[in-house]
C-alpha atoms as a PDB file:
ATOM      1  CA  MET A   1      -2.094 -65.094  14.009  1.00  0.00           C
ATOM      2  CA  GLU A   2       0.010 -62.849  11.770  1.00  0.00           C
ATOM      3  CA  VAL A   3      -0.838 -63.330   8.109  1.00  0.00           C
ATOM      4  CA  GLY A   4      -1.166 -60.925   5.165  1.00  0.00           C
ATOM      5  CA  LYS A   5      -3.067 -57.786   6.167  1.00  0.00           C
ATOM      6  CA  CYS A   6      -3.551 -59.115   9.678  1.00  0.00           C
ATOM      7  CA  ASN A   7      -0.329 -57.668  11.058  1.00  0.00           C
ATOM      8  CA  PRO A   8       0.870 -55.258  13.793  1.00  0.00           C
ATOM      9  CA  HIS A   9       1.204 -52.306  11.407  1.00  0.00           C
ATOM     10  CA  GLU A  10      -2.432 -52.556  10.310  1.00  0.00           C
ATOM     11  CA  LEU A  11      -3.639 -52.897  13.892  1.00  0.00           C
ATOM     12  CA  TYR A  12      -1.535 -49.925  14.944  1.00  0.00           C
ATOM     13  CA  LYS A  13      -3.233 -47.822  12.248  1.00  0.00           C
ATOM     14  CA  ILE A  14      -6.615 -48.761  13.734  1.00  0.00           C
ATOM     15  CA  LEU A  15      -5.416 -47.708  17.191  1.00  0.00           C
ATOM     16  CA  GLU A  16      -4.194 -44.415  15.762  1.00  0.00           C
ATOM     17  CA  ASN A  17      -7.606 -43.844  14.205  1.00  0.00           C
ATOM     18  CA  ILE A  18      -9.606 -44.716  17.347  1.00  0.00           C
ATOM     19  CA  LYS A  19      -7.208 -42.940  19.731  1.00  0.00           C
ATOM     20  CA  PRO A  20      -8.184 -44.789  22.927  1.00  0.00           C
ATOM     21  CA  ASP A  21      -7.130 -43.438  26.308  1.00  0.00           C
ATOM     22  CA  VAL A  22      -7.600 -46.956  27.755  1.00  0.00           C
ATOM     23  CA  ILE A  23      -6.774 -50.328  26.175  1.00  0.00           C
ATOM     24  CA  PHE A  24      -8.248 -53.529  27.577  1.00  0.00           C
ATOM     25  CA  GLU A  25      -6.289 -56.518  26.320  1.00  0.00           C
ATOM     26  CA  GLU A  26      -7.249 -60.202  26.185  1.00  0.00           C
ATOM     27  CA  LEU A  27      -4.314 -61.438  28.240  1.00  0.00           C
ATOM     28  CA  PRO A  28      -3.948 -63.060  31.657  1.00  0.00           C
ATOM     29  CA  ALA A  29      -2.238 -60.824  34.204  1.00  0.00           C
ATOM     30  CA  HIS A  30       1.012 -62.824  34.442  1.00  0.00           C
ATOM     31  CA  VAL A  31       1.514 -62.865  30.655  1.00  0.00           C
ATOM     32  CA  PHE A  32       0.638 -59.178  30.430  1.00  0.00           C
ATOM     33  CA  HIS A  33       3.203 -58.203  33.057  1.00  0.00           C
ATOM     34  CA  SER A  34       5.944 -60.385  31.588  1.00  0.00           C
ATOM     35  CA  ILE A  35       5.518 -58.757  28.172  1.00  0.00           C
ATOM     36  CA  TYR A  36       5.116 -55.137  29.175  1.00  0.00           C
ATOM     37  CA  SER A  37       7.761 -55.228  31.912  1.00  0.00           C
ATOM     38  CA  GLY A  38      10.266 -56.346  29.264  1.00  0.00           C
ATOM     39  CA  GLN A  39      10.801 -59.869  30.600  1.00  0.00           C
ATOM     40  CA  ARG A  40       9.877 -61.304  27.213  1.00  0.00           C
ATOM     41  CA  PRO A  41       9.304 -59.734  23.795  1.00  0.00           C
ATOM     42  CA  PRO A  42       5.802 -59.279  22.396  1.00  0.00           C
ATOM     43  CA  GLN A  43       5.022 -62.102  19.974  1.00  0.00           C
ATOM     44  CA  THR A  44       1.391 -61.645  18.930  1.00  0.00           C
ATOM     45  CA  VAL A  45      -0.049 -59.141  16.469  1.00  0.00           C
ATOM     46  CA  GLU A  46      -1.898 -57.462  19.329  1.00  0.00           C
ATOM     47  CA  SER A  47       0.985 -57.153  21.770  1.00  0.00           C
ATOM     48  CA  LYS A  48       3.371 -55.920  19.055  1.00  0.00           C
ATOM     49  CA  ALA A  49       0.965 -53.161  17.985  1.00  0.00           C
ATOM     50  CA  ILE A  50       0.079 -52.183  21.544  1.00  0.00           C
ATOM     51  CA  SER A  51       3.753 -52.066  22.572  1.00  0.00           C
ATOM     52  CA  VAL A  52       4.407 -49.419  19.926  1.00  0.00           C
ATOM     53  CA  TYR A  53       1.242 -47.503  20.758  1.00  0.00           C
ATOM     54  CA  ILE A  54       1.947 -47.217  24.495  1.00  0.00           C
ATOM     55  CA  ARG A  55       5.468 -45.995  23.719  1.00  0.00           C
ATOM     56  CA  ASN A  56       4.004 -43.185  21.636  1.00  0.00           C
ATOM     57  CA  TYR A  57       0.991 -42.286  23.784  1.00  0.00           C
ATOM     58  CA  ASP A  58       0.494 -41.913  27.526  1.00  0.00           C
ATOM     59  CA  ILE A  59      -2.533 -44.150  28.076  1.00  0.00           C
ATOM     60  CA  LYS A  60      -3.846 -46.709  30.553  1.00  0.00           C
ATOM     61  CA  HIS A  61      -3.500 -50.374  29.592  1.00  0.00           C
ATOM     62  CA  PHE A  62      -4.885 -53.406  31.411  1.00  0.00           C
ATOM     63  CA  PRO A  63      -5.203 -57.205  31.109  1.00  0.00           C
ATOM     64  CA  VAL A  64      -8.825 -58.370  31.344  1.00  0.00           C
ATOM     65  CA  ASP A  65      -8.626 -62.093  30.503  1.00  0.00           C
ATOM     66  CA  THR A  66      -8.014 -63.037  34.113  1.00  0.00           C
ATOM     67  CA  TYR A  67     -10.156 -66.146  34.581  1.00  0.00           C
ATOM     68  CA  GLU A  68      -7.697 -68.791  35.784  1.00  0.00           C
ATOM     69  CA  PHE A  69      -7.556 -72.212  34.160  1.00  0.00           C
ATOM     70  CA  ASP A  70      -5.002 -74.833  33.165  1.00  0.00           C
ATOM     71  CA  LEU A  71      -4.011 -74.916  29.491  1.00  0.00           C
ATOM     72  CA  HIS A  72      -4.314 -78.705  29.654  1.00  0.00           C
ATOM     73  CA  GLU A  73      -8.058 -78.197  30.093  1.00  0.00           C
ATOM     74  CA  LEU A  74      -8.344 -76.856  26.543  1.00  0.00           C
ATOM     75  CA  PHE A  75      -9.161 -78.910  23.456  1.00  0.00           C
ATOM     76  CA  SER A  76      -6.146 -79.387  21.172  1.00  0.00           C
ATOM     77  CA  ASP A  77      -7.065 -82.239  18.808  1.00  0.00           C
ATOM     78  CA  TYR A  78      -8.157 -80.187  15.814  1.00  0.00           C
ATOM     79  CA  ASP A  79      -6.245 -82.520  13.512  1.00  0.00           C
ATOM     80  CA  PHE A  80      -8.813 -85.169  14.447  1.00  0.00           C
ATOM     81  CA  ILE A  81     -11.513 -82.926  12.967  1.00  0.00           C
ATOM     82  CA  VAL A  82      -9.559 -81.876   9.871  1.00  0.00           C
ATOM     83  CA  GLU A  83      -8.791 -85.492   8.983  1.00  0.00           C
ATOM     84  CA  ARG A  84     -12.482 -86.412   9.095  1.00  0.00           C
ATOM     85  CA  SER A  85     -14.149 -83.444   7.417  1.00  0.00           C
ATOM     86  CA  GLU A  86     -13.275 -82.008   4.027  1.00  0.00           C
ATOM     87  CA  SER A  87     -15.964 -79.371   4.589  1.00  0.00           C
ATOM     88  CA  TYR A  88     -14.218 -78.204   7.726  1.00  0.00           C
ATOM     89  CA  HIS A  89     -10.883 -77.975   5.936  1.00  0.00           C
ATOM     90  CA  LYS A  90     -12.430 -75.890   3.113  1.00  0.00           C
ATOM     91  CA  VAL A  91     -14.180 -73.464   5.473  1.00  0.00           C
ATOM     92  CA  PHE A  92     -11.000 -73.059   7.533  1.00  0.00           C
ATOM     93  CA  GLU A  93      -8.916 -72.355   4.422  1.00  0.00           C
ATOM     94  CA  LYS A  94     -11.500 -69.781   3.289  1.00  0.00           C
ATOM     95  CA  LEU A  95     -11.261 -68.106   6.678  1.00  0.00           C
ATOM     96  CA  ILE A  96      -7.446 -67.895   6.564  1.00  0.00           C
ATOM     97  CA  ARG A  97      -7.447 -66.557   2.972  1.00  0.00           C
ATOM     98  CA  SER A  98      -9.977 -63.887   3.878  1.00  0.00           C
ATOM     99  CA  VAL A  99      -8.002 -62.841   6.957  1.00  0.00           C
ATOM    100  CA  ALA A 100      -4.816 -62.579   4.861  1.00  0.00           C
ATOM    101  CA  ASP A 101      -6.528 -60.633   2.055  1.00  0.00           C
ATOM    102  CA  PHE A 102      -8.701 -58.257   4.088  1.00  0.00           C
ATOM    103  CA  GLY A 103      -7.175 -58.223   7.567  1.00  0.00           C
ATOM    104  CA  PHE A 104      -9.065 -56.573  10.413  1.00  0.00           C
ATOM    105  CA  ASN A 105     -11.908 -55.378   8.212  1.00  0.00           C
ATOM    106  CA  PHE A 106     -12.777 -59.015   7.610  1.00  0.00           C
ATOM    107  CA  LEU A 107     -12.010 -60.210  11.151  1.00  0.00           C
ATOM    108  CA  ASN A 108     -14.556 -57.729  12.500  1.00  0.00           C
ATOM    109  CA  SER A 109     -17.198 -58.380   9.854  1.00  0.00           C
ATOM    110  CA  PRO A 110     -20.444 -60.392  10.004  1.00  0.00           C
ATOM    111  CA  ALA A 111     -18.983 -62.634   7.296  1.00  0.00           C
ATOM    112  CA  CYS A 112     -16.170 -63.687   9.637  1.00  0.00           C
ATOM    113  CA  THR A 113     -18.625 -64.309  12.479  1.00  0.00           C
ATOM    114  CA  GLU A 114     -20.645 -66.558  10.171  1.00  0.00           C
ATOM    115  CA  LEU A 115     -17.588 -68.566   9.115  1.00  0.00           C
ATOM    116  CA  ILE A 116     -16.524 -69.072  12.720  1.00  0.00           C
ATOM    117  CA  SER A 117     -20.035 -70.234  13.624  1.00  0.00           C
ATOM    118  CA  GLU A 118     -19.930 -72.648  10.697  1.00  0.00           C
ATOM    119  CA  LEU A 119     -16.587 -74.034  11.857  1.00  0.00           C
ATOM    120  CA  LYS A 120     -17.870 -74.543  15.392  1.00  0.00           C
ATOM    121  CA  SER A 121     -20.945 -76.365  14.097  1.00  0.00           C
ATOM    122  CA  LEU A 122     -18.755 -78.656  11.999  1.00  0.00           C
ATOM    123  CA  GLU A 123     -16.407 -79.282  14.925  1.00  0.00           C
ATOM    124  CA  LEU A 124     -19.247 -80.389  17.145  1.00  0.00           C
ATOM    125  CA  LYS A 125     -20.790 -82.523  14.400  1.00  0.00           C
ATOM    126  CA  VAL A 126     -17.537 -84.364  13.667  1.00  0.00           C
ATOM    127  CA  LEU A 127     -16.802 -84.966  17.336  1.00  0.00           C
ATOM    128  CA  LYS A 128     -20.312 -86.205  18.130  1.00  0.00           C
ATOM    129  CA  GLU A 129     -20.236 -88.602  15.185  1.00  0.00           C
ATOM    130  CA  ASN A 130     -16.631 -89.830  15.380  1.00  0.00           C
ATOM    131  CA  ALA A 131     -14.814 -88.961  18.581  1.00  0.00           C
ATOM    132  CA  PRO A 132     -14.442 -90.963  21.781  1.00  0.00           C
ATOM    133  CA  LYS A 133     -16.442 -89.538  24.654  1.00  0.00           C
ATOM    134  CA  ILE A 134     -13.389 -88.092  26.398  1.00  0.00           C
ATOM    135  CA  LEU A 135     -12.512 -85.973  23.337  1.00  0.00           C
ATOM    136  CA  LEU A 136     -16.034 -84.567  23.036  1.00  0.00           C
ATOM    137  CA  GLU A 137     -16.048 -83.763  26.751  1.00  0.00           C
ATOM    138  CA  LYS A 138     -12.733 -81.909  26.401  1.00  0.00           C
ATOM    139  CA  TYR A 139     -14.195 -79.821  23.567  1.00  0.00           C
ATOM    140  CA  GLN A 140     -17.306 -79.012  25.597  1.00  0.00           C
ATOM    141  CA  GLN A 141     -15.145 -78.132  28.580  1.00  0.00           C
ATOM    142  CA  GLU A 142     -13.213 -75.626  26.473  1.00  0.00           C
ATOM    143  CA  THR A 143     -16.481 -74.042  25.331  1.00  0.00           C
ATOM    144  CA  PHE A 144     -17.496 -73.702  28.983  1.00  0.00           C
ATOM    145  CA  ILE A 145     -14.127 -72.145  29.889  1.00  0.00           C
ATOM    146  CA  HIS A 146     -14.386 -69.627  27.033  1.00  0.00           C
ATOM    147  CA  ASP A 147     -17.819 -68.645  28.313  1.00  0.00           C
ATOM    148  CA  LEU A 148     -16.398 -68.008  31.788  1.00  0.00           C
ATOM    149  CA  ARG A 149     -13.491 -66.049  30.313  1.00  0.00           C
ATOM    150  CA  GLU A 150     -15.864 -63.740  28.413  1.00  0.00           C
ATOM    151  CA  THR A 151     -17.828 -63.085  31.592  1.00  0.00           C
ATOM    152  CA  GLU A 152     -14.585 -62.303  33.419  1.00  0.00           C
ATOM    153  CA  ILE A 153     -13.478 -59.940  30.638  1.00  0.00           C
ATOM    154  CA  LEU A 154     -16.732 -57.977  30.835  1.00  0.00           C
ATOM    155  CA  ASN A 155     -16.666 -57.949  34.638  1.00  0.00           C
ATOM    156  CA  ASN A 156     -13.175 -56.468  34.581  1.00  0.00           C
ATOM    157  CA  ILE A 157     -14.129 -53.819  32.029  1.00  0.00           C
ATOM    158  CA  TYR A 158     -17.272 -52.750  33.870  1.00  0.00           C
ATOM    159  CA  ASN A 159     -15.581 -52.709  37.272  1.00  0.00           C
ATOM    160  CA  TYR A 160     -12.761 -50.556  35.924  1.00  0.00           C
ATOM    161  CA  SER A 161     -15.159 -48.251  34.064  1.00  0.00           C
ATOM    162  CA  ILE A 162     -17.256 -47.628  37.173  1.00  0.00           C
ATOM    163  CA  LYS A 163     -14.190 -46.705  39.262  1.00  0.00           C
ATOM    164  CA  TYR A 164     -12.144 -44.825  36.674  1.00  0.00           C
ATOM    165  CA  PRO A 165     -14.048 -42.783  34.062  1.00  0.00           C
ATOM    166  CA  TYR A 166     -12.510 -42.352  30.623  1.00  0.00           C
ATOM    167  CA  ASN A 167     -13.501 -40.897  27.280  1.00  0.00           C
ATOM    168  CA  ASN A 168     -12.657 -43.663  24.859  1.00  0.00           C
ATOM    169  CA  ALA A 169     -11.518 -47.237  25.432  1.00  0.00           C
ATOM    170  CA  ILE A 170     -10.918 -50.267  23.245  1.00  0.00           C
ATOM    171  CA  LEU A 171     -11.130 -53.981  23.951  1.00  0.00           C
ATOM    172  CA  ILE A 172      -8.734 -56.001  21.822  1.00  0.00           C
ATOM    173  CA  CYS A 173      -9.629 -59.676  21.790  1.00  0.00           C
ATOM    174  CA  GLY A 174      -9.996 -62.623  19.459  1.00  0.00           C
ATOM    175  CA  THR A 175     -12.833 -62.437  16.985  1.00  0.00           C
ATOM    176  CA  ASP A 176     -14.158 -65.796  18.149  1.00  0.00           C
ATOM    177  CA  HIS A 177     -15.221 -64.060  21.391  1.00  0.00           C
ATOM    178  CA  LYS A 178     -17.279 -61.399  19.625  1.00  0.00           C
ATOM    179  CA  LYS A 179     -20.547 -63.338  19.401  1.00  0.00           C
ATOM    180  CA  GLY A 180     -20.378 -64.442  23.036  1.00  0.00           C
ATOM    181  CA  ILE A 181     -19.537 -60.962  24.300  1.00  0.00           C
ATOM    182  CA  ILE A 182     -22.364 -59.334  22.355  1.00  0.00           C
ATOM    183  CA  LYS A 183     -24.792 -61.890  23.774  1.00  0.00           C
ATOM    184  CA  LYS A 184     -23.609 -61.261  27.346  1.00  0.00           C
ATOM    185  CA  LEU A 185     -23.747 -57.469  27.057  1.00  0.00           C
ATOM    186  CA  THR A 186     -27.538 -57.336  27.354  1.00  0.00           C
ATOM    187  CA  ASN A 187     -27.420 -58.796  30.852  1.00  0.00           C
ATOM    188  CA  PHE A 188     -24.341 -56.818  31.853  1.00  0.00           C
ATOM    189  CA  LYS A 189     -25.976 -53.532  30.961  1.00  0.00           C
ATOM    190  CA  LYS A 190     -28.891 -54.387  33.253  1.00  0.00           C
ATOM    191  CA  GLU A 191     -26.947 -55.937  36.127  1.00  0.00           C
ATOM    192  CA  MET A 192     -24.082 -53.442  36.342  1.00  0.00           C
ATOM    193  CA  LYS A 193     -26.379 -50.418  36.029  1.00  0.00           C
ATOM    194  CA  TRP A 194     -23.606 -48.538  34.261  1.00  0.00           C
ATOM    195  CA  ASN A 195     -23.912 -47.132  30.789  1.00  0.00           C
ATOM    196  CA  ILE A 196     -21.052 -48.026  28.474  1.00  0.00           C
ATOM    197  CA  SER A 197     -21.699 -47.148  24.856  1.00  0.00           C
ATOM    198  CA  TRP A 198     -20.349 -50.129  22.899  1.00  0.00           C
ATOM    199  CA  SER A 199     -19.545 -50.056  19.192  1.00  0.00           C
ATOM    200  CA  PHE A 200     -17.938 -52.832  17.191  1.00  0.00           C
ATOM    201  CA  TYR A 201     -15.287 -52.092  14.600  1.00  0.00           C
ATOM    202  CA  ASN A 202     -16.528 -52.537  11.028  1.00  0.00           C
ATOM    203  CA  SER A 203     -19.873 -53.979  12.163  1.00  0.00           C
END
């Protein structure tokens, strides 16, 4: 979502500051290849910034969101929630304003993580109290899919890191995955038996 200070120029400045020699991007392989082979123009904040960066620097760049699923499996009825919860609408508007005003510093902050957790709690509450069973099941299915995607992302990163050493890498993904990824890292560090020193921007 491109809004205010959350834009490709600001993300590019972060990349310039971190200077990664590897970028892991939250994209499925087919979308990744269609963008970076020139079949279609980059449209997201992330892909626009990365496209400029890889033109200026000779680095490795890989898609890591490779868990396969059908988009129809994802929950899409957020209007149902907005129409039934003024609290949800207010928290969402606060989130968007903060993203516009403070950009990636906010998106990577504990305050943003807290707002996202609050939104998810409200979503579940509204659906449990008001939605038909099929809608609640669709929402829960999406949560399950996101969990599998995060595991796939970390698997891809660790498998690459074991085979191909590097000095400095960056994972660019949606902030709503941050909490889940941090939680999964404890097990990954034990199971993969490979030391990756993780740090989280502005945390």
